[in-house]
Amino acid sequence: MTPHGSYGMIGVLVVCSACAVGEIRFTNVTQSSGIDLVMVSGQDPSREILEVNGGGVALFDFDNDGDLDLFFANGATMSEPEQGPGSRLYANNGDGEFVDVTQRFGIALKRWAMGVAVGDYDGDGYDDLYVTSYGRNVLLRNDCGRRSKRFTDVTAEAGVGDTRWSTSAAFGDIDGDGDLDLYVANYLVFDVHHPPSRAGKLYKGVNVMAGPHGLTPQADVLYENAGDGTFRDISVASGCASVSPGYGLVAAMVDYDADGRQDVFVGNDSAENFLFRNLSNRKFESVGVVSGVASNMDGTTQATMGIAIGDVDGNGFPDLFTSNFSSDTNTLHLNLDGAFFDDRTSQYGLGLVSRRFLSWGCGFYDFDSDGDEDLFVSNGHVYPEAMTHDIDSDYEQQPLLFERGAGARFRRVTAAGDIFSKPLRGRATAFGDIDNDGDVDVILTTLNGPVRVLRNDSPPADVLVVDLQLEPPNHRGHGAIVELIGAGGTQRRWIRGGGSFQSSDAPVAYFGLGSEKASKLKLRVRFPDGRAREIDGLLPNRRVTVTSSGYRTSALRNRRP
């Protein structure tokens, strides 16, 4: 077993110049998918800051049948913030088509929901949902393993009903006791009955909605799982409350310094980002400024909306990509050594191209299965005034897709499907294989508009899909690191809670094999408790399910020839 503190530099991956660069292609299959949801978030167009975030989405297997299902955190209106059209749960029938099962499984969540975190908090082997809201947050216990076979609101008994405006949340085991704790990012004080005045609120000389500057930010919350179905607030005791409140929009738990403990990154809107280093014993140290992730390379704070996590330079440490406001750039914070980050946005070709875009959900995934991770970014402005005034941006914007090819830089791809040429008000994203063919699909929400289901129809290439089915309570392996070791280097995936924007990706490791040969493939899994397992001789185009005692492989059911 390799000590936690030394695994960061094993198997450095350099992008393989011999790997064929595939053609990425997405097809909008919303109409045939069964997803008929139009997201609601206040009036259209938005006039108040409460209305601009839209709702998040989760890809997760709620019924443990091997298919990824969908949950959407839907909003409401300022006139009736507790009586919206309702959040929705869709079951996957096995080939990428979905059925609305919201009522069947007892979900009656009409409040103004914002985001969703997924994790098995009670250790019964079924994933639960924590839904952040404007108003009281909600913990929905998944009782599909019980006789009732429904989701039950256990917020009050669990003690996690924060009534502030919460945006994103992340599950993770911060104290190493095996169960999942919870970090909740909060935004600002807003009264629907007395919204802030727009007077004097100018952006590029145009009168716009108020906020976040001038409004009161709200402190975040860290909950420790007591192991008996309840949580306790340890924000102060842990040291996470030592920072001044920020305007929190996104949170993720990931071991950024490779010491075996889950750290917490929080993206704040127009304020310094937080990075809390886990010191063990439920204590955290705020290192956002000293590590370099609090701001960009100029020392300027940004309006961080989303986060993508991946090992861009192959040094074994997770890098952080943040999505930001227009007339600014998105930012790639390269993790140099587990202690310091460096802004390498321009070096990797991700700076100038993003200045006209206001970006939200994002993710590093190998969409063309060529052996390196590409980047998807959702975009859309918050100011409707962009439709009628020149503010160097547009209200509706296309998503951005960047392909990683030979060399260090990313290359923007525009001919990967109609979705990249038709502007929309993009918001949250979730990534995962919804049709069981081995490549990564995208679920995209829009502001006051329909959900988009984007099926990955890139040319077939060899892949490996890895999921963890460990012993409860942490059966999905939050905090695990999955490494695919081949002749061209080592690819790494972090199984983590939180990330993107108000959303949760599938807790699955997807690997494109590029030019790798099956005989050279080796898988290494570093479990959350520090143990490691190596598996040799894996065949391509298989799903590998790693358990606490071994592993099994199965065919990808809908794999195209």
Protein backbone atom coordinates (compact mmCIF):
# COMPACT_ATOMS: atom_id res chain seq x y z
CA MET A 1 0.00 0.00 0.00
CA THR A 2 1.36 3.39 -1.00
CA PRO A 3 1.21 6.02 1.76
CA HIS A 4 -1.34 8.74 1.09
CA GLY A 5 1.24 11.46 1.08
CA SER A 6 3.31 9.99 -1.74
CA TYR A 7 0.89 8.86 -4.41
CA GLY A 8 0.57 12.23 -6.09
CA MET A 9 3.45 11.78 -8.54
CA ILE A 10 2.86 8.19 -9.62
CA GLY A 11 2.40 7.65 -13.37
CA VAL A 12 2.58 11.17 -14.80
CA LEU A 13 0.29 11.45 -17.83
CA VAL A 14 1.33 13.57 -20.78
CA VAL A 15 -1.22 13.94 -23.55
CA CYS A 16 -0.34 11.24 -26.05
CA SER A 17 0.54 12.71 -29.45
CA ALA A 18 0.02 9.28 -31.01
CA CYS A 19 -3.59 9.09 -29.83
CA ALA A 20 -6.07 9.72 -32.61
CA VAL A 21 -8.21 12.77 -31.98
CA GLY A 22 -11.79 11.66 -32.36
CA GLU A 23 -14.69 13.69 -33.67
CA ILE A 24 -16.95 14.73 -30.79
CA ARG A 25 -20.63 14.66 -31.63
CA PHE A 26 -23.68 15.31 -29.45
CA THR A 27 -27.28 14.76 -30.51
CA ASN A 28 -30.17 16.56 -28.82
CA VAL A 29 -32.49 13.68 -27.92
CA THR A 30 -34.70 15.58 -25.49
CA GLN A 31 -37.91 14.91 -27.40
CA SER A 32 -37.41 11.14 -27.49
CA SER A 33 -35.92 10.89 -23.99
CA GLY A 34 -39.18 11.39 -22.11
CA ILE A 35 -37.84 14.46 -20.31
CA ASP A 36 -40.58 17.04 -20.81
CA LEU A 37 -39.62 19.45 -18.04
CA VAL A 38 -39.56 23.22 -18.46
CA MET A 39 -37.58 24.74 -15.60
CA VAL A 40 -39.14 27.63 -13.66
CA SER A 41 -37.21 30.38 -11.91
CA GLY A 42 -39.26 33.53 -11.35
CA GLN A 43 -40.50 35.74 -14.12
CA ASP A 44 -39.20 35.67 -17.67
CA PRO A 45 -37.06 37.60 -18.29
CA SER A 46 -35.53 37.76 -14.82
CA ARG A 47 -35.64 41.05 -12.92
CA GLU A 48 -34.24 40.06 -9.51
CA ILE A 49 -31.10 38.18 -8.49
CA LEU A 50 -33.20 35.43 -6.89
CA GLU A 51 -34.49 34.52 -10.35
CA VAL A 52 -31.23 34.13 -12.29
CA ASN A 53 -29.63 30.90 -11.02
CA GLY A 54 -32.14 28.39 -12.29
CA GLY A 55 -32.22 24.86 -10.91
CA GLY A 56 -29.69 22.05 -10.66
CA VAL A 57 -29.72 18.43 -11.76
CA ALA A 58 -28.41 15.11 -10.42
CA LEU A 59 -27.48 11.96 -12.31
CA PHE A 60 -27.65 9.00 -9.92
CA ASP A 61 -28.95 5.45 -9.69
CA PHE A 62 -31.70 5.84 -7.09
CA ASP A 63 -33.14 2.31 -7.46
CA ASN A 64 -29.82 0.43 -7.85
CA ASP A 65 -30.83 -1.16 -11.16
CA GLY A 66 -27.60 -0.13 -12.92
CA ASP A 67 -29.07 2.77 -14.89
CA LEU A 68 -28.57 6.47 -14.20
CA ASP A 69 -31.75 8.29 -13.20
CA LEU A 70 -32.40 12.04 -13.02
CA PHE A 71 -33.54 14.51 -10.40
CA PHE A 72 -34.22 18.17 -11.20
CA ALA A 73 -34.36 20.86 -8.53
CA ASN A 74 -37.07 23.11 -9.92
CA GLY A 75 -37.92 26.65 -8.81
CA ALA A 76 -40.95 28.84 -8.23
CA THR A 77 -41.96 32.50 -8.50
CA MET A 78 -41.58 35.44 -6.16
CA SER A 79 -45.33 35.70 -5.72
CA GLU A 80 -45.54 32.06 -4.56
CA PRO A 81 -42.03 30.90 -3.55
CA GLU A 82 -43.42 27.86 -1.72
CA GLN A 83 -45.84 26.77 -4.48
CA GLY A 84 -43.82 26.13 -7.61
CA PRO A 85 -44.50 23.43 -10.21
CA GLY A 86 -42.28 21.07 -8.24
CA SER A 87 -38.97 19.26 -8.49
CA ARG A 88 -39.01 16.09 -10.59
CA LEU A 89 -37.60 12.55 -10.48
CA TYR A 90 -37.20 10.54 -13.69
CA ALA A 91 -36.41 6.82 -13.82
CA ASN A 92 -34.21 5.47 -16.62
CA ASN A 93 -35.78 2.50 -18.37
CA GLY A 94 -32.38 1.13 -19.37
CA ASP A 95 -31.64 2.63 -22.77
CA GLY A 96 -31.64 6.36 -22.11
CA GLU A 97 -35.43 6.86 -22.09
CA PHE A 98 -36.97 8.23 -18.90
CA VAL A 99 -40.30 8.08 -17.09
CA ASP A 100 -41.54 10.69 -14.61
CA VAL A 101 -41.89 8.86 -11.27
CA THR A 102 -42.05 11.90 -8.99
CA GLN A 103 -45.44 11.14 -7.51
CA ARG A 104 -44.92 7.38 -7.43
CA PHE A 105 -41.92 7.84 -5.14
CA GLY A 106 -43.58 10.38 -2.86
CA ILE A 107 -41.69 13.53 -3.83
CA ALA A 108 -43.85 16.61 -3.32
CA LEU A 109 -41.25 19.35 -3.25
CA LYS A 110 -42.95 22.58 -4.37
CA ARG A 111 -40.59 25.09 -2.75
CA TRP A 112 -38.05 27.15 -4.71
CA ALA A 113 -35.34 24.51 -5.05
CA MET A 114 -31.88 25.51 -6.25
CA GLY A 115 -29.42 22.62 -6.16
CA VAL A 116 -29.03 18.96 -5.29
CA ALA A 117 -26.35 16.86 -3.62
CA VAL A 118 -26.37 13.06 -3.72
CA GLY A 119 -25.06 10.73 -1.03
CA ASP A 120 -26.09 7.74 1.09
CA TYR A 121 -26.14 9.59 4.41
CA ASP A 122 -27.73 6.75 6.40
CA GLY A 123 -25.65 3.91 4.97
CA ASP A 124 -28.53 1.73 3.78
CA GLY A 125 -27.08 1.27 0.29
CA TYR A 126 -29.42 3.72 -1.47
CA ASP A 127 -28.51 7.26 -2.46
CA ASP A 128 -30.35 10.09 -0.72
CA LEU A 129 -30.95 13.65 -1.92
CA TYR A 130 -30.16 16.93 -0.20
CA VAL A 131 -32.01 19.73 -1.98
CA THR A 132 -30.86 23.31 -1.42
CA SER A 133 -33.48 26.02 -1.63
CA TYR A 134 -34.47 29.60 -1.21
CA GLY A 135 -35.91 28.90 2.21
CA ARG A 136 -35.75 25.61 4.07
CA ASN A 137 -33.44 22.99 2.58
CA VAL A 138 -34.75 19.42 2.37
CA LEU A 139 -33.17 16.02 3.01
CA LEU A 140 -35.01 13.28 1.13
CA ARG A 141 -34.17 9.82 2.44
CA ASN A 142 -34.27 7.15 -0.23
CA ASP A 143 -36.42 4.35 1.16
CA CYS A 144 -36.35 2.17 -1.94
CA GLY A 145 -34.66 -0.49 0.18
CA ARG A 146 -37.52 -0.38 2.64
CA ARG A 147 -41.09 -1.55 2.31
CA SER A 148 -42.38 1.95 1.53
CA LYS A 149 -40.16 2.32 -1.58
CA ARG A 150 -40.35 6.10 -1.65
CA PHE A 151 -38.41 9.21 -0.71
CA THR A 152 -39.18 10.50 2.77
CA ASP A 153 -38.61 14.05 4.03
CA VAL A 154 -36.41 13.57 7.11
CA THR A 155 -35.09 17.12 7.29
CA ALA A 156 -36.37 17.91 10.77
CA GLU A 157 -35.16 14.71 12.43
CA ALA A 158 -31.77 14.93 10.68
CA GLY A 159 -31.27 18.57 11.71
CA VAL A 160 -30.23 19.95 8.31
CA GLY A 161 -33.12 22.31 7.51
CA ASP A 162 -31.13 25.50 6.95
CA THR A 163 -33.63 28.26 6.13
CA ARG A 164 -31.21 30.61 4.43
CA TRP A 165 -30.79 30.87 0.65
CA SER A 166 -28.61 27.85 -0.15
CA THR A 167 -27.24 27.14 -3.61
CA SER A 168 -24.89 24.14 -3.79
CA ALA A 169 -23.98 21.33 -1.41
CA ALA A 170 -21.53 18.45 -1.28
CA PHE A 171 -21.42 15.13 0.59
CA GLY A 172 -18.08 13.69 1.69
CA ASP A 173 -16.40 11.96 4.61
CA ILE A 174 -14.45 14.78 6.24
CA ASP A 175 -13.64 12.98 9.49
CA GLY A 176 -12.71 9.56 8.16
CA ASP A 177 -15.33 7.67 10.15
CA GLY A 178 -16.90 6.11 7.07
CA ASP A 179 -20.18 8.03 6.86
CA LEU A 180 -20.93 11.06 4.73
CA ASP A 181 -20.83 14.58 6.11
CA LEU A 182 -22.30 17.60 4.35
CA TYR A 183 -21.12 21.06 3.31
CA VAL A 184 -23.75 23.64 2.28
CA ALA A 185 -22.91 26.84 0.38
CA ASN A 186 -25.16 29.80 1.16
CA TYR A 187 -25.63 32.93 -0.94
CA LEU A 188 -27.18 36.16 0.35
CA VAL A 189 -30.11 37.73 2.20
CA PHE A 190 -33.10 38.35 -0.08
CA ASP A 191 -36.68 39.25 0.81
CA VAL A 192 -39.24 38.49 -1.90
CA HIS A 193 -41.64 40.97 -0.31
CA HIS A 194 -39.08 43.77 -0.27
CA PRO A 195 -36.60 43.18 -3.10
CA PRO A 196 -33.60 45.55 -3.27
CA SER A 197 -33.88 48.70 -5.31
CA ARG A 198 -32.38 48.82 -8.78
CA ALA A 199 -31.65 52.52 -8.43
CA GLY A 200 -28.02 53.27 -9.20
CA LYS A 201 -27.18 49.65 -10.07
CA LEU A 202 -25.17 50.05 -13.24
CA TYR A 203 -23.27 47.55 -15.35
CA LYS A 204 -21.32 49.08 -18.23
CA GLY A 205 -23.56 52.13 -17.89
CA VAL A 206 -26.79 50.10 -18.05
CA ASN A 207 -29.27 49.95 -15.16
CA VAL A 208 -29.51 46.31 -14.02
CA MET A 209 -30.77 44.21 -11.10
CA ALA A 210 -29.22 44.62 -7.67
CA GLY A 211 -26.62 42.23 -6.26
CA PRO A 212 -24.59 40.55 -5.20
CA HIS A 213 -22.53 43.60 -4.22
CA GLY A 214 -24.43 45.73 -1.74
CA LEU A 215 -26.43 42.78 -0.40
CA THR A 216 -25.57 40.80 2.74
CA PRO A 217 -23.73 37.50 2.17
CA GLN A 218 -24.65 34.46 4.24
CA ALA A 219 -22.31 32.07 6.02
CA ASP A 220 -21.98 28.47 4.85
CA VAL A 221 -22.63 25.41 7.00
CA LEU A 222 -20.59 22.25 7.65
CA TYR A 223 -22.59 19.35 9.08
CA GLU A 224 -20.97 16.32 10.69
CA ASN A 225 -22.85 13.05 10.30
CA ALA A 226 -23.42 11.63 13.77
CA GLY A 227 -24.02 8.15 12.36
CA ASP A 228 -27.50 7.78 13.84
CA GLY A 229 -29.51 9.56 11.17
CA THR A 230 -28.73 13.04 12.50
CA PHE A 231 -26.20 15.75 11.77
CA ARG A 232 -24.60 18.40 13.94
CA ASP A 233 -23.43 21.84 12.83
CA ILE A 234 -19.65 22.03 13.30
CA SER A 235 -19.08 25.17 11.22
CA VAL A 236 -17.56 27.07 14.12
CA ALA A 237 -15.77 24.19 15.83
CA SER A 238 -14.19 23.05 12.55
CA GLY A 239 -12.79 26.48 11.67
CA CYS A 240 -14.86 26.82 8.48
CA ALA A 241 -16.72 29.76 10.04
CA SER A 242 -13.45 31.65 10.59
CA VAL A 243 -13.73 33.29 7.15
CA SER A 244 -16.00 36.22 6.40
CA PRO A 245 -19.16 35.00 4.65
CA GLY A 246 -18.95 34.87 0.87
CA TYR A 247 -21.63 34.70 -1.79
CA GLY A 248 -21.42 30.90 -2.17
CA LEU A 249 -22.50 29.36 -5.46
CA VAL A 250 -20.65 26.05 -5.75
CA ALA A 251 -19.00 23.56 -3.38
CA ALA A 252 -16.91 20.44 -3.89
CA MET A 253 -15.10 17.99 -1.64
CA VAL A 254 -11.81 16.66 -3.01
CA ASP A 255 -8.41 15.75 -1.56
CA TYR A 256 -6.40 18.46 -3.29
CA ASP A 257 -3.13 17.87 -1.37
CA ALA A 258 -3.06 14.04 -1.50
CA ASP A 259 -2.90 13.53 2.25
CA GLY A 260 -5.88 11.17 2.33
CA ARG A 261 -8.34 13.68 3.81
CA GLN A 262 -11.23 15.36 2.04
CA ASP A 263 -10.80 19.12 1.64
CA VAL A 264 -13.51 21.63 0.69
CA PHE A 265 -13.49 24.14 -2.19
CA VAL A 266 -16.19 26.84 -2.33
CA GLY A 267 -16.69 29.14 -5.30
CA ASN A 268 -18.00 32.56 -4.27
CA ASP A 269 -19.69 35.18 -6.42
CA SER A 270 -17.57 38.35 -6.70
CA ALA A 271 -15.65 37.44 -3.55
CA GLU A 272 -12.60 35.38 -2.65
CA ASN A 273 -13.07 31.65 -3.17
CA PHE A 274 -12.58 29.40 -0.14
CA LEU A 275 -10.29 26.41 0.13
CA PHE A 276 -10.45 24.60 3.45
CA ARG A 277 -7.57 22.22 4.08
CA ASN A 278 -8.55 19.27 6.23
CA LEU A 279 -6.20 19.06 9.23
CA SER A 280 -7.92 15.91 10.61
CA ASN A 281 -9.90 15.70 13.83
CA ARG A 282 -12.69 17.76 12.22
CA LYS A 283 -10.47 20.83 11.94
CA PHE A 284 -9.94 22.90 8.81
CA GLU A 285 -7.52 25.64 7.83
CA SER A 286 -8.52 28.35 5.35
CA VAL A 287 -5.84 28.36 2.61
CA GLY A 288 -7.67 29.91 -0.33
CA VAL A 289 -5.48 33.00 -0.50
CA VAL A 290 -2.11 31.39 0.21
CA SER A 291 -2.79 28.50 -2.18
CA GLY A 292 -3.75 30.79 -5.08
CA VAL A 293 -7.38 29.75 -5.70
CA ALA A 294 -9.05 32.70 -3.97
CA SER A 295 -8.64 34.84 -7.11
CA ASN A 296 -7.14 34.79 -10.59
CA MET A 297 -3.49 35.49 -11.41
CA ASP A 298 -4.09 39.25 -11.24
CA GLY A 299 -5.37 38.97 -7.70
CA THR A 300 -8.88 39.83 -8.89
CA THR A 301 -11.84 38.05 -7.33
CA GLN A 302 -14.25 36.50 -9.81
CA ALA A 303 -17.92 35.58 -9.97
CA THR A 304 -17.30 31.86 -9.62
CA MET A 305 -20.36 29.89 -10.68
CA GLY A 306 -19.17 26.40 -11.54
CA ILE A 307 -16.21 24.10 -11.03
CA ALA A 308 -14.70 21.24 -12.99
CA ILE A 309 -12.06 18.94 -11.48
CA GLY A 310 -9.47 16.98 -13.43
CA ASP A 311 -5.76 16.23 -13.72
CA VAL A 312 -5.00 18.50 -16.67
CA ASP A 313 -1.19 18.26 -16.51
CA GLY A 314 -1.01 14.67 -15.30
CA ASN A 315 0.98 15.33 -12.13
CA GLY A 316 -1.40 13.39 -9.91
CA PHE A 317 -3.08 16.35 -8.21
CA PRO A 318 -6.60 17.62 -9.00
CA ASP A 319 -6.73 20.89 -10.92
CA LEU A 320 -9.66 23.31 -10.59
CA PHE A 321 -11.40 25.00 -13.51
CA THR A 322 -13.87 27.71 -12.50
CA SER A 323 -16.56 29.29 -14.68
CA ASN A 324 -17.05 33.04 -14.32
CA PHE A 325 -18.81 36.21 -15.46
CA SER A 326 -18.65 37.81 -18.92
CA SER A 327 -15.97 40.42 -19.67
CA ASP A 328 -13.77 38.22 -17.50
CA THR A 329 -12.28 34.82 -18.27
CA ASN A 330 -12.96 31.40 -16.95
CA THR A 331 -9.97 30.24 -14.93
CA LEU A 332 -7.84 27.11 -14.86
CA HIS A 333 -6.10 26.79 -11.49
CA LEU A 334 -3.34 24.24 -12.04
CA ASN A 335 -2.45 22.30 -8.90
CA LEU A 336 1.36 22.39 -8.87
CA ASP A 337 2.27 20.25 -5.88
CA GLY A 338 -0.69 19.83 -3.57
CA ALA A 339 0.04 23.13 -1.87
CA PHE A 340 -0.04 25.86 -4.51
CA PHE A 341 -2.16 26.56 -7.57
CA ASP A 342 -1.16 28.63 -10.59
CA ASP A 343 -3.48 30.39 -13.05
CA ARG A 344 -2.64 28.72 -16.39
CA THR A 345 -5.80 29.71 -18.23
CA SER A 346 -4.07 31.36 -21.19
CA GLN A 347 -1.42 28.65 -21.50
CA TYR A 348 -4.14 26.05 -22.08
CA GLY A 349 -6.19 28.18 -24.49
CA LEU A 350 -9.17 28.75 -22.19
CA GLY A 351 -8.93 32.50 -21.56
CA LEU A 352 -9.72 34.88 -24.40
CA VAL A 353 -12.40 32.67 -25.95
CA SER A 354 -14.47 32.82 -22.76
CA ARG A 355 -14.64 36.61 -22.31
CA ARG A 356 -17.99 37.09 -24.09
CA PHE A 357 -19.58 34.25 -22.16
CA LEU A 358 -21.13 34.11 -18.70
CA SER A 359 -20.46 30.52 -17.67
CA TRP A 360 -22.13 28.09 -15.24
CA GLY A 361 -22.07 24.28 -15.16
CA CYS A 362 -18.92 22.64 -16.49
CA GLY A 363 -17.03 19.37 -16.50
CA PHE A 364 -13.82 17.64 -17.58
CA TYR A 365 -14.73 14.40 -19.41
CA ASP A 366 -13.22 12.40 -22.27
CA PHE A 367 -16.09 12.85 -24.68
CA ASP A 368 -14.24 11.40 -27.69
CA SER A 369 -12.63 8.55 -25.70
CA ASP A 370 -9.15 9.32 -27.03
CA GLY A 371 -7.41 9.12 -23.67
CA ASP A 372 -7.57 12.72 -22.44
CA GLU A 373 -10.31 14.79 -20.87
CA ASP A 374 -12.18 17.46 -22.84
CA LEU A 375 -14.20 20.32 -21.34
CA PHE A 376 -17.88 21.28 -21.59
CA VAL A 377 -19.11 24.68 -20.34
CA SER A 378 -22.72 25.92 -20.13
CA ASN A 379 -23.38 29.63 -20.74
CA GLY A 380 -26.08 32.29 -20.45
CA HIS A 381 -26.25 35.84 -19.12
CA VAL A 382 -28.09 37.07 -16.03
CA TYR A 383 -28.97 40.51 -17.40
CA PRO A 384 -31.91 40.62 -19.85
CA GLU A 385 -30.57 44.06 -20.76
CA ALA A 386 -28.00 42.22 -22.87
CA MET A 387 -30.79 41.77 -25.42
CA THR A 388 -31.17 45.49 -25.98
CA HIS A 389 -27.89 47.09 -24.88
CA ASP A 390 -24.28 46.59 -25.88
CA ILE A 391 -22.63 45.10 -22.82
CA ASP A 392 -20.08 43.02 -24.75
CA SER A 393 -22.15 39.87 -24.35
CA ASP A 394 -25.49 38.26 -25.20
CA TYR A 395 -28.41 37.15 -23.04
CA GLU A 396 -28.63 33.74 -24.73
CA GLN A 397 -25.34 31.97 -25.45
CA GLN A 398 -24.15 28.67 -26.90
CA PRO A 399 -22.37 26.12 -24.73
CA LEU A 400 -18.61 25.88 -25.16
CA LEU A 401 -16.91 22.59 -25.99
CA PHE A 402 -13.15 22.24 -25.83
CA GLU A 403 -11.33 19.21 -27.21
CA ARG A 404 -7.99 18.22 -25.76
CA GLY A 405 -5.70 16.99 -28.49
CA ALA A 406 -1.97 16.70 -28.97
CA GLY A 407 -0.04 19.22 -26.90
CA ALA A 408 -1.12 21.19 -23.88
CA ARG A 409 -3.86 23.44 -25.22
CA PHE A 410 -7.59 22.94 -25.55
CA ARG A 411 -9.25 23.63 -28.91
CA ARG A 412 -12.78 24.97 -29.17
CA VAL A 413 -15.12 22.75 -31.17
CA THR A 414 -18.23 24.28 -32.75
CA ALA A 415 -19.31 21.54 -35.17
CA ALA A 416 -20.17 18.93 -32.56
CA GLY A 417 -23.95 19.26 -32.86
CA ASP A 418 -26.73 21.84 -33.16
CA ILE A 419 -26.57 22.64 -29.45
CA PHE A 420 -23.27 24.49 -30.02
CA SER A 421 -24.72 26.85 -32.63
CA LYS A 422 -28.09 27.74 -31.09
CA PRO A 423 -27.93 30.27 -28.22
CA LEU A 424 -29.86 29.49 -25.04
CA ARG A 425 -29.94 30.47 -21.38
CA GLY A 426 -27.77 27.64 -20.16
CA ARG A 427 -27.30 26.95 -16.45
CA ALA A 428 -26.64 23.64 -14.66
CA THR A 429 -25.03 20.53 -16.11
CA ALA A 430 -24.66 16.91 -15.05
CA PHE A 431 -22.49 14.32 -16.75
CA GLY A 432 -22.81 10.55 -17.02
CA ASP A 433 -23.59 7.64 -19.35
CA ILE A 434 -27.38 7.59 -19.56
CA ASP A 435 -27.67 4.97 -22.32
CA ASN A 436 -25.05 2.46 -21.12
CA ASP A 437 -22.85 2.62 -24.20
CA GLY A 438 -19.73 3.69 -22.32
CA ASP A 439 -19.37 7.33 -23.36
CA VAL A 440 -20.37 10.41 -21.38
CA ASP A 441 -23.64 12.22 -22.09
CA VAL A 442 -24.72 15.66 -20.85
CA ILE A 443 -27.88 16.90 -19.15
CA LEU A 444 -28.24 20.67 -19.45
CA THR A 445 -30.80 22.90 -17.74
CA THR A 446 -31.82 26.33 -18.99
CA LEU A 447 -33.24 29.37 -17.24
CA ASN A 448 -37.04 29.35 -17.58
CA GLY A 449 -36.71 26.94 -20.46
CA PRO A 450 -36.68 23.24 -21.34
CA VAL A 451 -34.10 20.75 -20.17
CA ARG A 452 -31.74 19.48 -22.89
CA VAL A 453 -30.64 15.85 -23.07
CA LEU A 454 -27.46 15.58 -25.14
CA ARG A 455 -26.52 12.06 -26.18
CA ASN A 456 -22.88 11.48 -26.98
CA ASP A 457 -22.77 10.09 -30.53
CA SER A 458 -19.04 10.43 -31.06
CA PRO A 459 -17.49 7.65 -33.18
CA PRO A 460 -17.12 4.49 -31.07
CA ALA A 461 -13.75 4.04 -29.40
CA ASP A 462 -12.45 1.76 -26.70
CA VAL A 463 -13.51 2.72 -23.17
CA LEU A 464 -13.52 1.44 -19.61
CA VAL A 465 -16.25 2.35 -17.09
CA VAL A 466 -15.52 1.91 -13.39
CA ASP A 467 -17.95 2.19 -10.51
CA LEU A 468 -17.58 1.38 -6.85
CA GLN A 469 -20.00 -0.69 -4.79
CA LEU A 470 -18.40 -0.74 -1.37
CA GLU A 471 -19.78 -1.69 1.99
CA PRO A 472 -22.06 0.96 3.52
CA PRO A 473 -22.12 3.60 4.73
CA ASN A 474 -19.97 5.09 1.92
CA HIS A 475 -21.00 2.57 -0.71
CA ARG A 476 -20.32 4.82 -3.73
CA GLY A 477 -16.79 5.47 -2.54
CA HIS A 478 -16.89 9.26 -2.12
CA GLY A 479 -13.25 10.27 -1.75
CA ALA A 480 -11.83 7.37 -3.77
CA ILE A 481 -9.34 7.86 -6.59
CA VAL A 482 -9.50 5.60 -9.65
CA GLU A 483 -6.39 5.35 -11.82
CA LEU A 484 -6.03 3.68 -15.21
CA ILE A 485 -2.38 2.86 -15.82
CA GLY A 486 -1.18 2.23 -19.37
CA ALA A 487 1.77 2.65 -21.66
CA GLY A 488 0.85 6.25 -22.37
CA GLY A 489 0.68 7.23 -18.71
CA THR A 490 -1.89 7.30 -15.92
CA GLN A 491 -5.38 8.74 -16.08
CA ARG A 492 -7.06 9.70 -12.79
CA ARG A 493 -10.64 10.28 -11.73
CA TRP A 494 -11.80 11.54 -8.35
CA ILE A 495 -15.08 10.15 -6.97
CA ARG A 496 -16.32 13.21 -5.15
CA GLY A 497 -19.28 15.11 -3.81
CA GLY A 498 -20.37 18.41 -5.29
CA GLY A 499 -18.93 20.32 -8.20
CA SER A 500 -20.22 21.80 -11.43
CA PHE A 501 -23.02 24.26 -10.47
CA GLN A 502 -25.82 23.30 -8.06
CA SER A 503 -25.61 19.77 -9.48
CA SER A 504 -24.22 16.25 -9.03
CA ASP A 505 -22.50 14.16 -11.70
CA ALA A 506 -22.68 10.37 -11.77
CA PRO A 507 -20.22 8.91 -9.20
CA VAL A 508 -18.54 6.85 -11.93
CA ALA A 509 -15.04 6.90 -13.46
CA TYR A 510 -15.11 7.03 -17.27
CA PHE A 511 -11.92 6.31 -19.22
CA GLY A 512 -11.27 6.62 -22.93
CA LEU A 513 -8.50 4.25 -23.96
CA GLY A 514 -7.20 6.04 -27.05
CA SER A 515 -4.39 3.93 -28.48
CA GLU A 516 -3.90 1.83 -25.35
CA LYS A 517 -3.85 -1.95 -25.73
CA ALA A 518 -5.96 -4.13 -23.50
CA SER A 519 -2.98 -6.24 -22.48
CA LYS A 520 -1.31 -3.17 -20.97
CA LEU A 521 -4.26 -1.99 -18.93
CA LYS A 522 -4.05 -1.87 -15.18
CA LEU A 523 -6.54 -0.34 -12.78
CA ARG A 524 -5.62 1.01 -9.36
CA VAL A 525 -8.33 2.04 -6.91
CA ARG A 526 -7.41 4.02 -3.82
CA PHE A 527 -10.24 3.57 -1.38
CA PRO A 528 -11.40 6.35 0.97
CA ASP A 529 -9.92 4.50 3.97
CA GLY A 530 -6.41 4.52 2.45
CA ARG A 531 -6.32 0.96 1.14
CA ALA A 532 -5.45 0.35 -2.50
CA ARG A 533 -6.21 -2.42 -4.99
CA GLU A 534 -4.66 -3.13 -8.37
CA ILE A 535 -6.46 -5.06 -11.11
CA ASP A 536 -4.56 -6.30 -14.17
CA GLY A 537 -5.53 -7.62 -17.59
CA LEU A 538 -8.79 -5.79 -18.05
CA LEU A 539 -10.54 -5.97 -21.41
CA PRO A 540 -11.79 -2.79 -23.10
CA ASN A 541 -15.42 -1.80 -23.48
CA ARG A 542 -16.42 -3.27 -20.14
CA ARG A 543 -17.91 -2.00 -16.91
CA VAL A 544 -15.73 -2.83 -13.93
CA THR A 545 -17.56 -2.87 -10.60
CA VAL A 546 -15.12 -2.73 -7.71
CA THR A 547 -16.35 -4.02 -4.37
CA SER A 548 -14.80 -4.07 -0.93
CA SER A 549 -13.60 -7.64 -1.46
CA GLY A 550 -12.99 -7.90 -5.20
CA TYR A 551 -14.39 -6.88 -8.55
CA ARG A 552 -16.56 -8.07 -11.41
CA THR A 553 -16.86 -7.06 -15.04
CA SER A 554 -19.84 -6.88 -17.37
CA ALA A 555 -20.57 -5.85 -20.91
CA LEU A 556 -21.75 -2.35 -21.75
CA ARG A 557 -25.32 -3.20 -22.65
CA ASN A 558 -25.90 -0.73 -25.46
CA ARG A 559 -22.36 -0.49 -26.82
CA ARG A 560 -22.34 0.43 -30.49
CA PRO A 561 -20.07 -1.64 -32.78
